[in-house]
Protein backbone atom coordinates (compact mmCIF):
# COMPACT_ATOMS: atom_id res chain seq x y z
CA UNK A 1 7.79 -2.88 13.74
CA UNK A 2 10.35 -0.09 13.50
CA UNK A 3 9.82 3.07 11.49
CA UNK A 4 12.37 2.04 8.85
CA UNK A 5 10.80 -1.40 8.60
CA UNK A 6 7.41 0.20 8.07
CA UNK A 7 8.84 2.45 5.31
CA UNK A 8 10.43 -0.56 3.62
CA UNK A 9 7.15 -2.48 3.88
CA UNK A 10 5.28 0.48 2.36
CA UNK A 11 7.75 0.87 -0.51
CA UNK A 12 7.64 -2.80 -1.43
CA UNK A 13 3.85 -3.01 -1.01
CA UNK A 14 3.41 0.07 -3.23
CA UNK A 15 5.67 -1.41 -5.91
CA UNK A 16 3.80 -4.73 -5.83
CA UNK A 17 0.47 -2.89 -6.04
CA UNK A 18 1.72 -0.98 -9.11
CA UNK A 19 2.80 -4.25 -10.69
CA UNK A 20 -0.57 -5.91 -10.00
CA UNK A 21 -2.76 -3.11 -11.36
CA UNK A 22 -3.02 -2.86 -15.15
CA UNK A 23 -2.32 0.36 -16.99
CA UNK A 24 0.21 3.10 -16.48
CA UNK A 25 0.27 4.76 -13.09
CA UNK A 26 2.17 8.00 -12.74
CA UNK A 27 4.62 8.88 -10.04
CA UNK A 28 8.14 7.82 -9.28
CA UNK A 29 9.67 6.09 -6.31
CA UNK A 30 8.67 8.83 -3.85
CA UNK A 31 5.00 8.64 -4.82
CA UNK A 32 5.24 4.85 -4.64
CA UNK A 33 6.68 5.15 -1.13
CA UNK A 34 3.93 7.53 0.00
CA UNK A 35 1.15 5.45 -1.53
CA UNK A 36 2.61 2.27 -0.08
CA UNK A 37 2.91 3.70 3.43
CA UNK A 38 -0.60 5.15 3.30
CA UNK A 39 -1.83 1.84 1.87
CA UNK A 40 -0.10 -0.11 4.63
CA UNK A 41 -1.75 2.13 7.21
CA UNK A 42 -5.13 1.70 5.52
CA UNK A 43 -4.66 -2.07 5.24
CA UNK A 44 -3.64 -2.30 8.90
CA UNK A 45 -6.64 -0.24 9.96
CA UNK A 46 -9.07 -2.33 7.89
CA UNK A 47 -7.41 -5.55 9.07
CA UNK A 48 -7.70 -4.44 12.68
CA UNK A 49 -11.37 -3.59 12.30
CA UNK A 50 -12.52 -6.59 10.30
CA UNK A 51 -10.11 -9.40 11.13
CA UNK A 52 -8.50 -8.31 14.43
CA UNK A 53 -5.04 -8.45 12.78
CA UNK A 54 -2.31 -5.81 13.13
CA UNK A 55 0.87 -4.91 11.26
CA UNK A 56 3.21 -5.79 14.11
CA UNK A 57 5.33 -8.47 12.41
CA UNK A 58 7.40 -7.63 9.33
CA UNK A 59 7.69 -11.23 8.12
CA UNK A 60 4.03 -12.17 8.66
CA UNK A 61 2.03 -13.06 5.54
CA UNK A 62 -1.03 -11.28 6.94
CA UNK A 63 1.00 -8.08 7.31
CA UNK A 64 2.09 -8.24 3.69
CA UNK A 65 -1.36 -9.09 2.35
CA UNK A 66 -2.98 -6.25 4.29
CA UNK A 67 -0.31 -3.77 3.20
CA UNK A 68 -0.55 -4.78 -0.47
CA UNK A 69 -4.36 -4.74 -0.37
CA UNK A 70 -4.37 -1.30 1.22
CA UNK A 71 -1.82 -0.08 -1.35
CA UNK A 72 -4.01 -1.30 -4.20
CA UNK A 73 -6.97 0.61 -2.77
CA UNK A 74 -4.90 3.78 -2.34
CA UNK A 75 -3.41 3.42 -5.83
CA UNK A 76 -6.88 3.05 -7.37
CA UNK A 77 -8.03 6.21 -5.57
CA UNK A 78 -4.86 8.06 -6.61
CA UNK A 79 -5.35 6.98 -10.23
CA UNK A 80 -8.97 8.15 -10.20
CA UNK A 81 -7.98 11.54 -8.79
CA UNK A 82 -5.06 12.16 -11.15
CA UNK A 83 -6.53 10.73 -14.34
CA UNK A 84 -6.38 13.24 -17.18
CA UNK A 85 -9.62 14.01 -18.92
CA UNK A 86 -9.49 13.35 -22.68
């Protein structure tokens, strides 16, 4: 997958992860892009370790599921780290 394809995958996966998780997550489109790309990397790494699947194909359902799953994990960690104490 090309670099631009990977950025597009990360942006869309980050946006889908934000839509899936309840509550209000901070950050704009740039934070969404960063979290999505990091999540796609994390999802690809976990998928490679556990399921022997990689993120080589842009239009593969396994690529999208791994990227979205990784983005959800990264978004949960980001939310826990940036949560304001009341």
